[in-house]
């Protein structure tokens, strides 16, 4: 586990609300600032358009080829067999190893982490076979992980045999957190937060653009979300400390909440515009420089309510 948590660039909206040229610009800037981790999944973007299946990884591969980089750290989540937002997947050992070979060919030395994605199984025999595939990936020098696991306790129990140091992606924001469900891995795994903006919530309905992720996913952007009113009070209180950069958005609060949460080694960002990325990079620098523990405590109390 690393501290402070690092930033990871997400690709879930690439090829959907984020066009290819913007994806390139975002990754250019992220890379120039010294960050290397990029998160992907076979089913990105999950926009229910079969013709876009694996489009995000194709854009990432194009960028790598164009820039001839060999030091990116790509995290790929494997298992889903379509981008229709269905639970259908294939996590057999043979399928995982086939994709391991395929992604080694696609990303070469840039492939860093191999993750199981969207697993609802509880039956130990099939889960053990998936773990055997992850153990092989680890033997080949990759980090391995889990994301969207319905029964993490099964993985924890079986992992007593394998001893794999997992990286685990969890939804973790001011509305919901999967961290308690993974209690068997607390203190034993490096957790990576995604969804820190709770699907793209803004403090004011007027902030939503037509291309916003919340609109794209069918969320309500016409009325104020109930959390925004108490959140504005917390922000006002936090900003009374004039010796540090101001907090000004839901994104800032989500980043601060993730940054100070236990066991977190990475914060996954999903910017769709350069301005969003710049804002996140600037506030991340502030989190590393100044003490925002008081903000975290207030946000934690709000989350508990």
C-alpha atoms as a PDB file:
ATOM      1  CA  UNK A   1       0.000   0.000   0.000  1.00  0.00           C
ATOM      2  CA  UNK A   2       1.253   3.469  -0.878  1.00  0.00           C
ATOM      3  CA  UNK A   3       0.810   6.754   0.941  1.00  0.00           C
ATOM      4  CA  UNK A   4      -0.291   9.235  -0.040  1.00  0.00           C
ATOM      5  CA  UNK A   5      -2.717   7.579  -2.445  1.00  0.00           C
ATOM      6  CA  UNK A   6      -1.731   8.002  -6.065  1.00  0.00           C
ATOM      7  CA  UNK A   7      -3.974   9.226  -8.871  1.00  0.00           C
ATOM      8  CA  UNK A   8      -5.209   6.837 -11.552  1.00  0.00           C
ATOM      9  CA  UNK A   9      -6.747   7.999 -14.822  1.00  0.00           C
ATOM     10  CA  UNK A  10     -10.044   6.302 -15.641  1.00  0.00           C
ATOM     11  CA  UNK A  11     -11.258   5.425 -19.139  1.00  0.00           C
ATOM     12  CA  UNK A  12     -14.872   4.365 -18.508  1.00  0.00           C
ATOM     13  CA  UNK A  13     -16.292   7.223 -20.605  1.00  0.00           C
ATOM     14  CA  UNK A  14     -13.675   7.106 -23.382  1.00  0.00           C
ATOM     15  CA  UNK A  15     -15.336   6.744 -26.756  1.00  0.00           C
ATOM     16  CA  UNK A  16     -18.687   7.696 -25.205  1.00  0.00           C
ATOM     17  CA  UNK A  17     -18.935  11.192 -23.699  1.00  0.00           C
ATOM     18  CA  UNK A  18     -15.187  11.684 -24.111  1.00  0.00           C
ATOM     19  CA  UNK A  19     -14.058  11.724 -27.765  1.00  0.00           C
ATOM     20  CA  UNK A  20     -10.764  10.242 -28.879  1.00  0.00           C
ATOM     21  CA  UNK A  21      -8.974  13.597 -29.289  1.00  0.00           C
ATOM     22  CA  UNK A  22      -9.903  14.614 -25.745  1.00  0.00           C
ATOM     23  CA  UNK A  23      -8.753  11.229 -24.414  1.00  0.00           C
ATOM     24  CA  UNK A  24      -5.360  11.849 -25.999  1.00  0.00           C
ATOM     25  CA  UNK A  25      -5.155  15.359 -24.503  1.00  0.00           C
ATOM     26  CA  UNK A  26      -6.099  14.096 -21.032  1.00  0.00           C
ATOM     27  CA  UNK A  27      -3.534  11.316 -21.116  1.00  0.00           C
ATOM     28  CA  UNK A  28      -0.878  13.686 -22.496  1.00  0.00           C
ATOM     29  CA  UNK A  29      -1.365  16.019 -19.553  1.00  0.00           C
ATOM     30  CA  UNK A  30      -1.623  13.244 -16.966  1.00  0.00           C
ATOM     31  CA  UNK A  31       1.596  11.670 -18.252  1.00  0.00           C
ATOM     32  CA  UNK A  32       3.433  15.016 -18.435  1.00  0.00           C
ATOM     33  CA  UNK A  33       2.644  15.585 -14.771  1.00  0.00           C
ATOM     34  CA  UNK A  34       4.446  12.372 -13.863  1.00  0.00           C
ATOM     35  CA  UNK A  35       1.449  10.100 -13.317  1.00  0.00           C
ATOM     36  CA  UNK A  36       1.517   6.679 -14.927  1.00  0.00           C
ATOM     37  CA  UNK A  37      -1.440   4.563 -13.792  1.00  0.00           C
ATOM     38  CA  UNK A  38      -4.391   4.172 -16.154  1.00  0.00           C
ATOM     39  CA  UNK A  39      -7.464   2.065 -15.430  1.00  0.00           C
ATOM     40  CA  UNK A  40      -9.326   0.138 -18.107  1.00  0.00           C
ATOM     41  CA  UNK A  41     -11.777  -2.705 -18.550  1.00  0.00           C
ATOM     42  CA  UNK A  42     -12.725  -4.942 -21.440  1.00  0.00           C
ATOM     43  CA  UNK A  43     -16.285  -3.589 -21.440  1.00  0.00           C
ATOM     44  CA  UNK A  44     -15.462   0.154 -21.479  1.00  0.00           C
ATOM     45  CA  UNK A  45     -17.365   2.209 -22.389  1.00  0.00           C
ATOM     46  CA  UNK A  46     -20.488   0.629 -20.879  1.00  0.00           C
ATOM     47  CA  UNK A  47     -22.837   2.599 -23.121  1.00  0.00           C
ATOM     48  CA  UNK A  48     -25.030  -0.288 -24.356  1.00  0.00           C
ATOM     49  CA  UNK A  49     -23.682   0.105 -27.890  1.00  0.00           C
ATOM     50  CA  UNK A  50     -22.173  -3.252 -28.969  1.00  0.00           C
ATOM     51  CA  UNK A  51     -20.134  -1.548 -31.685  1.00  0.00           C
ATOM     52  CA  UNK A  52     -18.240   0.337 -28.943  1.00  0.00           C
ATOM     53  CA  UNK A  53     -17.242  -2.806 -27.015  1.00  0.00           C
ATOM     54  CA  UNK A  54     -13.511  -2.469 -26.117  1.00  0.00           C
ATOM     55  CA  UNK A  55     -13.346   0.977 -27.715  1.00  0.00           C
ATOM     56  CA  UNK A  56     -11.719   2.591 -24.662  1.00  0.00           C
ATOM     57  CA  UNK A  57      -8.818   0.137 -24.666  1.00  0.00           C
ATOM     58  CA  UNK A  58      -8.359   0.719 -28.400  1.00  0.00           C
ATOM     59  CA  UNK A  59      -7.961   4.451 -27.804  1.00  0.00           C
ATOM     60  CA  UNK A  60      -5.447   3.740 -25.037  1.00  0.00           C
ATOM     61  CA  UNK A  61      -3.520   1.370 -27.291  1.00  0.00           C
ATOM     62  CA  UNK A  62      -3.431   4.037 -30.018  1.00  0.00           C
ATOM     63  CA  UNK A  63      -1.960   6.569 -27.589  1.00  0.00           C
ATOM     64  CA  UNK A  64       0.710   4.122 -26.409  1.00  0.00           C
ATOM     65  CA  UNK A  65       1.672   3.271 -29.983  1.00  0.00           C
ATOM     66  CA  UNK A  66       1.765   6.924 -31.044  1.00  0.00           C
ATOM     67  CA  UNK A  67       3.992   7.950 -28.128  1.00  0.00           C
ATOM     68  CA  UNK A  68       6.066   4.762 -27.981  1.00  0.00           C
ATOM     69  CA  UNK A  69       5.925   4.709 -24.173  1.00  0.00           C
ATOM     70  CA  UNK A  70       6.939   1.688 -22.141  1.00  0.00           C
ATOM     71  CA  UNK A  71       6.453   2.988 -18.605  1.00  0.00           C
ATOM     72  CA  UNK A  72       2.683   3.368 -18.394  1.00  0.00           C
ATOM     73  CA  UNK A  73       1.053   1.183 -15.730  1.00  0.00           C
ATOM     74  CA  UNK A  74      -2.177  -0.099 -17.236  1.00  0.00           C
ATOM     75  CA  UNK A  75      -4.720  -1.796 -15.014  1.00  0.00           C
ATOM     76  CA  UNK A  76      -7.144  -4.029 -16.928  1.00  0.00           C
ATOM     77  CA  UNK A  77     -10.322  -5.474 -15.467  1.00  0.00           C
ATOM     78  CA  UNK A  78     -11.389  -8.730 -17.105  1.00  0.00           C
ATOM     79  CA  UNK A  79     -14.534 -10.822 -17.148  1.00  0.00           C
ATOM     80  CA  UNK A  80     -17.436  -8.924 -18.701  1.00  0.00           C
ATOM     81  CA  UNK A  81     -18.276 -10.181 -22.182  1.00  0.00           C
ATOM     82  CA  UNK A  82     -20.353  -7.206 -23.346  1.00  0.00           C
ATOM     83  CA  UNK A  83     -20.884  -3.520 -22.633  1.00  0.00           C
ATOM     84  CA  UNK A  84     -24.662  -3.745 -22.173  1.00  0.00           C
ATOM     85  CA  UNK A  85     -24.565  -3.339 -18.356  1.00  0.00           C
ATOM     86  CA  UNK A  86     -25.551  -6.949 -17.853  1.00  0.00           C
ATOM     87  CA  UNK A  87     -23.956  -9.321 -15.293  1.00  0.00           C
ATOM     88  CA  UNK A  88     -22.825 -11.740 -18.022  1.00  0.00           C
ATOM     89  CA  UNK A  89     -19.164 -12.655 -17.719  1.00  0.00           C
ATOM     90  CA  UNK A  90     -16.593 -15.365 -18.240  1.00  0.00           C
ATOM     91  CA  UNK A  91     -14.127 -15.909 -15.405  1.00  0.00           C
ATOM     92  CA  UNK A  92     -12.946 -19.396 -16.248  1.00  0.00           C
ATOM     93  CA  UNK A  93      -9.237 -20.037 -15.871  1.00  0.00           C
ATOM     94  CA  UNK A  94      -8.769 -20.680 -19.595  1.00  0.00           C
ATOM     95  CA  UNK A  95     -10.553 -17.446 -20.598  1.00  0.00           C
ATOM     96  CA  UNK A  96      -8.596 -15.352 -18.105  1.00  0.00           C
ATOM     97  CA  UNK A  97      -5.292 -16.795 -19.320  1.00  0.00           C
ATOM     98  CA  UNK A  98      -6.290 -16.211 -22.936  1.00  0.00           C
ATOM     99  CA  UNK A  99      -6.971 -12.544 -22.158  1.00  0.00           C
ATOM    100  CA  UNK A 100      -3.764 -12.321 -20.157  1.00  0.00           C
ATOM    101  CA  UNK A 101      -1.838 -13.310 -23.276  1.00  0.00           C
ATOM    102  CA  UNK A 102      -3.914 -10.967 -25.410  1.00  0.00           C
ATOM    103  CA  UNK A 103      -3.374  -7.953 -23.173  1.00  0.00           C
ATOM    104  CA  UNK A 104       0.334  -8.686 -22.906  1.00  0.00           C
ATOM    105  CA  UNK A 105       0.379  -8.442 -26.689  1.00  0.00           C
ATOM    106  CA  UNK A 106      -1.709  -5.254 -26.757  1.00  0.00           C
ATOM    107  CA  UNK A 107       0.039  -3.312 -23.995  1.00  0.00           C
ATOM    108  CA  UNK A 108       3.438  -5.004 -23.735  1.00  0.00           C
ATOM    109  CA  UNK A 109       5.515  -3.706 -20.808  1.00  0.00           C
ATOM    110  CA  UNK A 110       2.797  -1.170 -20.017  1.00  0.00           C
ATOM    111  CA  UNK A 111       0.500  -3.862 -18.614  1.00  0.00           C
ATOM    112  CA  UNK A 112       0.806  -3.643 -14.834  1.00  0.00           C
ATOM    113  CA  UNK A 113      -2.312  -4.978 -13.079  1.00  0.00           C
ATOM    114  CA  UNK A 114      -4.661  -7.805 -14.081  1.00  0.00           C
ATOM    115  CA  UNK A 115      -8.049  -7.720 -12.308  1.00  0.00           C
ATOM    116  CA  UNK A 116     -11.134  -9.893 -12.066  1.00  0.00           C
ATOM    117  CA  UNK A 117     -14.240  -7.816 -12.785  1.00  0.00           C
ATOM    118  CA  UNK A 118     -17.920  -8.210 -11.838  1.00  0.00           C
ATOM    119  CA  UNK A 119     -17.989 -11.590 -10.117  1.00  0.00           C
ATOM    120  CA  UNK A 120     -21.274 -12.691  -8.502  1.00  0.00           C
ATOM    121  CA  UNK A 121     -20.166 -16.276  -7.816  1.00  0.00           C
ATOM    122  CA  UNK A 122     -20.227 -17.925  -4.418  1.00  0.00           C
ATOM    123  CA  UNK A 123     -19.209 -21.448  -5.468  1.00  0.00           C
ATOM    124  CA  UNK A 124     -15.641 -22.063  -4.298  1.00  0.00           C
ATOM    125  CA  UNK A 125     -14.443 -24.439  -7.018  1.00  0.00           C
ATOM    126  CA  UNK A 126     -14.896 -21.951  -9.862  1.00  0.00           C
ATOM    127  CA  UNK A 127     -13.530 -19.042  -7.814  1.00  0.00           C
ATOM    128  CA  UNK A 128     -10.416 -21.109  -6.976  1.00  0.00           C
ATOM    129  CA  UNK A 129      -9.800 -21.682 -10.692  1.00  0.00           C
ATOM    130  CA  UNK A 130      -9.957 -17.924 -11.285  1.00  0.00           C
ATOM    131  CA  UNK A 131      -7.462 -17.426  -8.474  1.00  0.00           C
ATOM    132  CA  UNK A 132      -5.176 -19.961 -10.148  1.00  0.00           C
ATOM    133  CA  UNK A 133      -5.164 -17.705 -13.229  1.00  0.00           C
ATOM    134  CA  UNK A 134      -4.366 -14.653 -11.111  1.00  0.00           C
ATOM    135  CA  UNK A 135      -1.536 -16.567  -9.428  1.00  0.00           C
ATOM    136  CA  UNK A 136      -0.051 -17.265 -12.867  1.00  0.00           C
ATOM    137  CA  UNK A 137      -0.330 -13.580 -13.796  1.00  0.00           C
ATOM    138  CA  UNK A 138       1.474 -12.714 -10.570  1.00  0.00           C
ATOM    139  CA  UNK A 139       4.217 -15.241 -11.307  1.00  0.00           C
ATOM    140  CA  UNK A 140       4.694 -13.443 -14.615  1.00  0.00           C
ATOM    141  CA  UNK A 141       5.391 -10.214 -12.769  1.00  0.00           C
ATOM    142  CA  UNK A 142       1.995  -8.522 -12.800  1.00  0.00           C
ATOM    143  CA  UNK A 143       0.062  -7.124  -9.893  1.00  0.00           C
ATOM    144  CA  UNK A 144      -3.411  -8.628  -9.568  1.00  0.00           C
ATOM    145  CA  UNK A 145      -6.701  -7.494  -8.162  1.00  0.00           C
ATOM    146  CA  UNK A 146     -10.455  -7.590  -7.754  1.00  0.00           C
ATOM    147  CA  UNK A 147     -13.294  -5.250  -8.685  1.00  0.00           C
ATOM    148  CA  UNK A 148     -17.045  -5.571  -8.252  1.00  0.00           C
ATOM    149  CA  UNK A 149     -16.932  -8.779  -6.213  1.00  0.00           C
ATOM    150  CA  UNK A 150     -20.290  -9.852  -4.761  1.00  0.00           C
ATOM    151  CA  UNK A 151     -18.798 -12.279  -2.206  1.00  0.00           C
ATOM    152  CA  UNK A 152     -15.351 -11.013  -1.167  1.00  0.00           C
ATOM    153  CA  UNK A 153     -15.396 -13.304   1.862  1.00  0.00           C
ATOM    154  CA  UNK A 154     -15.088 -16.295  -0.502  1.00  0.00           C
ATOM    155  CA  UNK A 155     -11.992 -14.789  -2.088  1.00  0.00           C
ATOM    156  CA  UNK A 156     -10.523 -14.008   1.321  1.00  0.00           C
ATOM    157  CA  UNK A 157     -11.082 -17.561   2.520  1.00  0.00           C
ATOM    158  CA  UNK A 158      -9.559 -19.155  -0.581  1.00  0.00           C
ATOM    159  CA  UNK A 159      -6.684 -16.690  -0.632  1.00  0.00           C
ATOM    160  CA  UNK A 160      -5.330 -18.240   2.537  1.00  0.00           C
ATOM    161  CA  UNK A 161      -4.072 -20.926   0.148  1.00  0.00           C
ATOM    162  CA  UNK A 162      -2.651 -18.517  -2.475  1.00  0.00           C
ATOM    163  CA  UNK A 163      -1.370 -15.616  -0.369  1.00  0.00           C
ATOM    164  CA  UNK A 164      -2.007 -13.060  -3.118  1.00  0.00           C
ATOM    165  CA  UNK A 165      -1.523  -9.380  -2.152  1.00  0.00           C
ATOM    166  CA  UNK A 166      -4.611  -7.968  -3.867  1.00  0.00           C
ATOM    167  CA  UNK A 167      -5.345  -4.533  -5.202  1.00  0.00           C
ATOM    168  CA  UNK A 168      -9.085  -3.990  -4.798  1.00  0.00           C
ATOM    169  CA  UNK A 169     -11.246  -1.429  -6.550  1.00  0.00           C
ATOM    170  CA  UNK A 170     -14.237  -0.233  -4.553  1.00  0.00           C
ATOM    171  CA  UNK A 171     -16.977   2.316  -5.052  1.00  0.00           C
ATOM    172  CA  UNK A 172     -16.309   4.788  -2.262  1.00  0.00           C
ATOM    173  CA  UNK A 173     -17.977   8.176  -2.042  1.00  0.00           C
ATOM    174  CA  UNK A 174     -20.160  10.395   0.138  1.00  0.00           C
ATOM    175  CA  UNK A 175     -23.297   8.405  -0.671  1.00  0.00           C
ATOM    176  CA  UNK A 176     -22.119   4.798  -0.643  1.00  0.00           C
ATOM    177  CA  UNK A 177     -19.015   2.778   0.130  1.00  0.00           C
ATOM    178  CA  UNK A 178     -18.155  -0.853  -0.534  1.00  0.00           C
ATOM    179  CA  UNK A 179     -15.263  -0.732   1.925  1.00  0.00           C
ATOM    180  CA  UNK A 180     -17.237  -2.359   4.808  1.00  0.00           C
ATOM    181  CA  UNK A 181     -18.146  -5.315   2.567  1.00  0.00           C
ATOM    182  CA  UNK A 182     -14.453  -6.077   2.152  1.00  0.00           C
ATOM    183  CA  UNK A 183     -13.760  -6.273   5.890  1.00  0.00           C
ATOM    184  CA  UNK A 184     -11.855  -9.549   5.408  1.00  0.00           C
ATOM    185  CA  UNK A 185      -9.252  -7.595   3.410  1.00  0.00           C
ATOM    186  CA  UNK A 186      -8.925  -4.560   5.680  1.00  0.00           C
ATOM    187  CA  UNK A 187      -5.271  -3.933   6.422  1.00  0.00           C
ATOM    188  CA  UNK A 188      -4.259  -6.665   3.955  1.00  0.00           C
ATOM    189  CA  UNK A 189      -4.977  -5.134   0.534  1.00  0.00           C
ATOM    190  CA  UNK A 190      -4.457  -1.858  -1.267  1.00  0.00           C
ATOM    191  CA  UNK A 191      -7.831  -0.294  -2.035  1.00  0.00           C
ATOM    192  CA  UNK A 192      -8.509   1.917  -5.044  1.00  0.00           C
ATOM    193  CA  UNK A 193     -11.547   4.178  -4.979  1.00  0.00           C
ATOM    194  CA  UNK A 194     -13.767   4.780  -7.975  1.00  0.00           C
ATOM    195  CA  UNK A 195     -16.984   6.774  -8.308  1.00  0.00           C
ATOM    196  CA  UNK A 196     -15.739   9.508  -5.964  1.00  0.00           C
ATOM    197  CA  UNK A 197     -18.185  11.957  -7.587  1.00  0.00           C
ATOM    198  CA  UNK A 198     -21.136   9.627  -6.932  1.00  0.00           C
ATOM    199  CA  UNK A 199     -21.944   9.337 -10.630  1.00  0.00           C
ATOM    200  CA  UNK A 200     -21.183  12.970 -11.428  1.00  0.00           C
ATOM    201  CA  UNK A 201     -23.130  14.984  -8.837  1.00  0.00           C
ATOM    202  CA  UNK A 202     -22.632  18.761  -8.955  1.00  0.00           C
ATOM    203  CA  UNK A 203     -23.281  21.241  -6.164  1.00  0.00           C
ATOM    204  CA  UNK A 204     -25.692  23.179  -8.389  1.00  0.00           C
ATOM    205  CA  UNK A 205     -27.988  21.870 -11.186  1.00  0.00           C
ATOM    206  CA  UNK A 206     -26.748  24.711 -13.394  1.00  0.00           C
ATOM    207  CA  UNK A 207     -23.276  23.131 -13.466  1.00  0.00           C
ATOM    208  CA  UNK A 208     -24.354  20.130 -15.552  1.00  0.00           C
ATOM    209  CA  UNK A 209     -23.340  20.075 -19.218  1.00  0.00           C
ATOM    210  CA  UNK A 210     -25.117  18.133 -21.919  1.00  0.00           C
ATOM    211  CA  UNK A 211     -22.171  15.725 -22.000  1.00  0.00           C
ATOM    212  CA  UNK A 212     -22.039  15.217 -18.222  1.00  0.00           C
ATOM    213  CA  UNK A 213     -21.654  11.613 -17.094  1.00  0.00           C
ATOM    214  CA  UNK A 214     -24.739  11.822 -14.854  1.00  0.00           C
ATOM    215  CA  UNK A 215     -26.898  12.827 -17.830  1.00  0.00           C
ATOM    216  CA  UNK A 216     -25.303  10.164 -20.020  1.00  0.00           C
ATOM    217  CA  UNK A 217     -26.188   7.507 -17.457  1.00  0.00           C
ATOM    218  CA  UNK A 218     -29.784   8.700 -17.196  1.00  0.00           C
ATOM    219  CA  UNK A 219     -29.532  10.491 -13.838  1.00  0.00           C
ATOM    220  CA  UNK A 220     -31.679  13.453 -12.783  1.00  0.00           C
ATOM    221  CA  UNK A 221     -29.848  16.742 -13.353  1.00  0.00           C
ATOM    222  CA  UNK A 222     -32.851  19.063 -13.143  1.00  0.00           C
ATOM    223  CA  UNK A 223     -33.120  19.259  -9.368  1.00  0.00           C
ATOM    224  CA  UNK A 224     -30.641  19.710  -6.548  1.00  0.00           C
ATOM    225  CA  UNK A 225     -29.408  16.494  -4.954  1.00  0.00           C
ATOM    226  CA  UNK A 226     -30.315  16.289  -1.224  1.00  0.00           C
ATOM    227  CA  UNK A 227     -26.669  15.983  -0.188  1.00  0.00           C
ATOM    228  CA  UNK A 228     -25.626  19.290  -1.733  1.00  0.00           C
ATOM    229  CA  UNK A 229     -27.204  21.583   0.868  1.00  0.00           C
ATOM    230  CA  UNK A 230     -25.389  20.112   3.927  1.00  0.00           C
ATOM    231  CA  UNK A 231     -22.278  19.758   1.774  1.00  0.00           C
ATOM    232  CA  UNK A 232     -22.212  23.473   1.026  1.00  0.00           C
ATOM    233  CA  UNK A 233     -22.256  24.126   4.786  1.00  0.00           C
ATOM    234  CA  UNK A 234     -19.304  21.775   5.301  1.00  0.00           C
ATOM    235  CA  UNK A 235     -17.398  23.489   2.483  1.00  0.00           C
ATOM    236  CA  UNK A 236     -18.082  26.923   3.959  1.00  0.00           C
ATOM    237  CA  UNK A 237     -16.761  25.778   7.322  1.00  0.00           C
ATOM    238  CA  UNK A 238     -13.682  24.176   5.776  1.00  0.00           C
ATOM    239  CA  UNK A 239     -12.855  27.333   3.835  1.00  0.00           C
ATOM    240  CA  UNK A 240     -12.653  29.406   7.006  1.00  0.00           C
ATOM    241  CA  UNK A 241      -9.128  28.059   7.235  1.00  0.00           C
ATOM    242  CA  UNK A 242      -7.442  30.588   4.977  1.00  0.00           C
ATOM    243  CA  UNK A 243      -3.985  29.004   5.066  1.00  0.00           C
ATOM    244  CA  UNK A 244      -4.832  26.403   2.409  1.00  0.00           C
ATOM    245  CA  UNK A 245      -6.503  26.283  -1.033  1.00  0.00           C
ATOM    246  CA  UNK A 246     -10.288  26.522  -0.939  1.00  0.00           C
ATOM    247  CA  UNK A 247     -12.665  23.627  -1.410  1.00  0.00           C
ATOM    248  CA  UNK A 248     -15.142  24.511  -4.147  1.00  0.00           C
ATOM    249  CA  UNK A 249     -16.777  21.407  -5.640  1.00  0.00           C
ATOM    250  CA  UNK A 250     -18.277  17.994  -5.047  1.00  0.00           C
ATOM    251  CA  UNK A 251     -15.150  16.610  -6.713  1.00  0.00           C
ATOM    252  CA  UNK A 252     -12.891  18.277  -4.129  1.00  0.00           C
ATOM    253  CA  UNK A 253     -14.949  16.758  -1.324  1.00  0.00           C
ATOM    254  CA  UNK A 254     -14.874  13.324  -2.958  1.00  0.00           C
ATOM    255  CA  UNK A 255     -11.112  13.497  -3.386  1.00  0.00           C
ATOM    256  CA  UNK A 256     -10.535  14.598   0.219  1.00  0.00           C
ATOM    257  CA  UNK A 257     -12.822  11.855   1.509  1.00  0.00           C
ATOM    258  CA  UNK A 258     -10.958   9.182  -0.489  1.00  0.00           C
ATOM    259  CA  UNK A 259      -7.504  10.615   0.246  1.00  0.00           C
ATOM    260  CA  UNK A 260      -7.888  10.314   4.024  1.00  0.00           C
ATOM    261  CA  UNK A 261      -9.891   7.064   4.139  1.00  0.00           C
ATOM    262  CA  UNK A 262      -8.150   3.965   5.558  1.00  0.00           C
ATOM    263  CA  UNK A 263      -6.339   1.458   3.301  1.00  0.00           C
ATOM    264  CA  UNK A 264      -6.642   3.645   0.184  1.00  0.00           C
ATOM    265  CA  UNK A 265      -3.667   3.419  -2.186  1.00  0.00           C
ATOM    266  CA  UNK A 266      -5.220   4.980  -5.282  1.00  0.00           C
ATOM    267  CA  UNK A 267      -7.898   7.465  -6.331  1.00  0.00           C
ATOM    268  CA  UNK A 268      -9.448   6.857  -9.723  1.00  0.00           C
ATOM    269  CA  UNK A 269     -10.351  10.021 -11.653  1.00  0.00           C
ATOM    270  CA  UNK A 270     -12.749  10.135 -14.582  1.00  0.00           C
ATOM    271  CA  UNK A 271     -12.375  13.579 -16.186  1.00  0.00           C
ATOM    272  CA  UNK A 272     -14.056  14.192 -19.513  1.00  0.00           C
ATOM    273  CA  UNK A 273     -12.574  17.669 -20.039  1.00  0.00           C
ATOM    274  CA  UNK A 274      -9.133  19.181 -19.561  1.00  0.00           C
ATOM    275  CA  UNK A 275     -10.447  21.691 -17.047  1.00  0.00           C
ATOM    276  CA  UNK A 276     -11.703  18.874 -14.836  1.00  0.00           C
ATOM    277  CA  UNK A 277      -8.344  17.138 -14.937  1.00  0.00           C
ATOM    278  CA  UNK A 278      -6.420  20.338 -14.144  1.00  0.00           C
ATOM    279  CA  UNK A 279      -8.717  21.055 -11.216  1.00  0.00           C
ATOM    280  CA  UNK A 280      -8.200  17.532  -9.843  1.00  0.00           C
ATOM    281  CA  UNK A 281      -4.428  17.706 -10.269  1.00  0.00           C
ATOM    282  CA  UNK A 282      -4.304  21.050  -8.444  1.00  0.00           C
ATOM    283  CA  UNK A 283      -6.460  19.869  -5.566  1.00  0.00           C
ATOM    284  CA  UNK A 284      -4.482  16.636  -5.278  1.00  0.00           C
ATOM    285  CA  UNK A 285      -1.343  18.757  -4.843  1.00  0.00           C
ATOM    286  CA  UNK A 286      -3.159  20.696  -2.118  1.00  0.00           C
ATOM    287  CA  UNK A 287      -4.163  17.461  -0.347  1.00  0.00           C
ATOM    288  CA  UNK A 288      -0.525  16.383  -0.262  1.00  0.00           C
ATOM    289  CA  UNK A 289       0.661  19.784   1.006  1.00  0.00           C
ATOM    290  CA  UNK A 290      -1.994  20.916   3.485  1.00  0.00           C
ATOM    291  CA  UNK A 291      -3.970  19.256   6.260  1.00  0.00           C
ATOM    292  CA  UNK A 292      -7.610  18.586   5.326  1.00  0.00           C
ATOM    293  CA  UNK A 293      -8.325  16.126   8.133  1.00  0.00           C
ATOM    294  CA  UNK A 294     -11.021  18.429   9.537  1.00  0.00           C
ATOM    295  CA  UNK A 295     -12.830  18.345   6.181  1.00  0.00           C
ATOM    296  CA  UNK A 296     -12.550  14.560   6.080  1.00  0.00           C
ATOM    297  CA  UNK A 297     -14.015  14.240   9.574  1.00  0.00           C
ATOM    298  CA  UNK A 298     -16.983  16.434   8.635  1.00  0.00           C
ATOM    299  CA  UNK A 299     -17.541  14.476   5.437  1.00  0.00           C
ATOM    300  CA  UNK A 300     -17.298  11.194   7.332  1.00  0.00           C
ATOM    301  CA  UNK A 301     -19.994  12.334   9.762  1.00  0.00           C
ATOM    302  CA  UNK A 302     -22.195  13.343   6.829  1.00  0.00           C
ATOM    303  CA  UNK A 303     -21.640   9.947   5.238  1.00  0.00           C
ATOM    304  CA  UNK A 304     -22.594   8.174   8.455  1.00  0.00           C
ATOM    305  CA  UNK A 305     -25.868  10.129   8.597  1.00  0.00           C
END
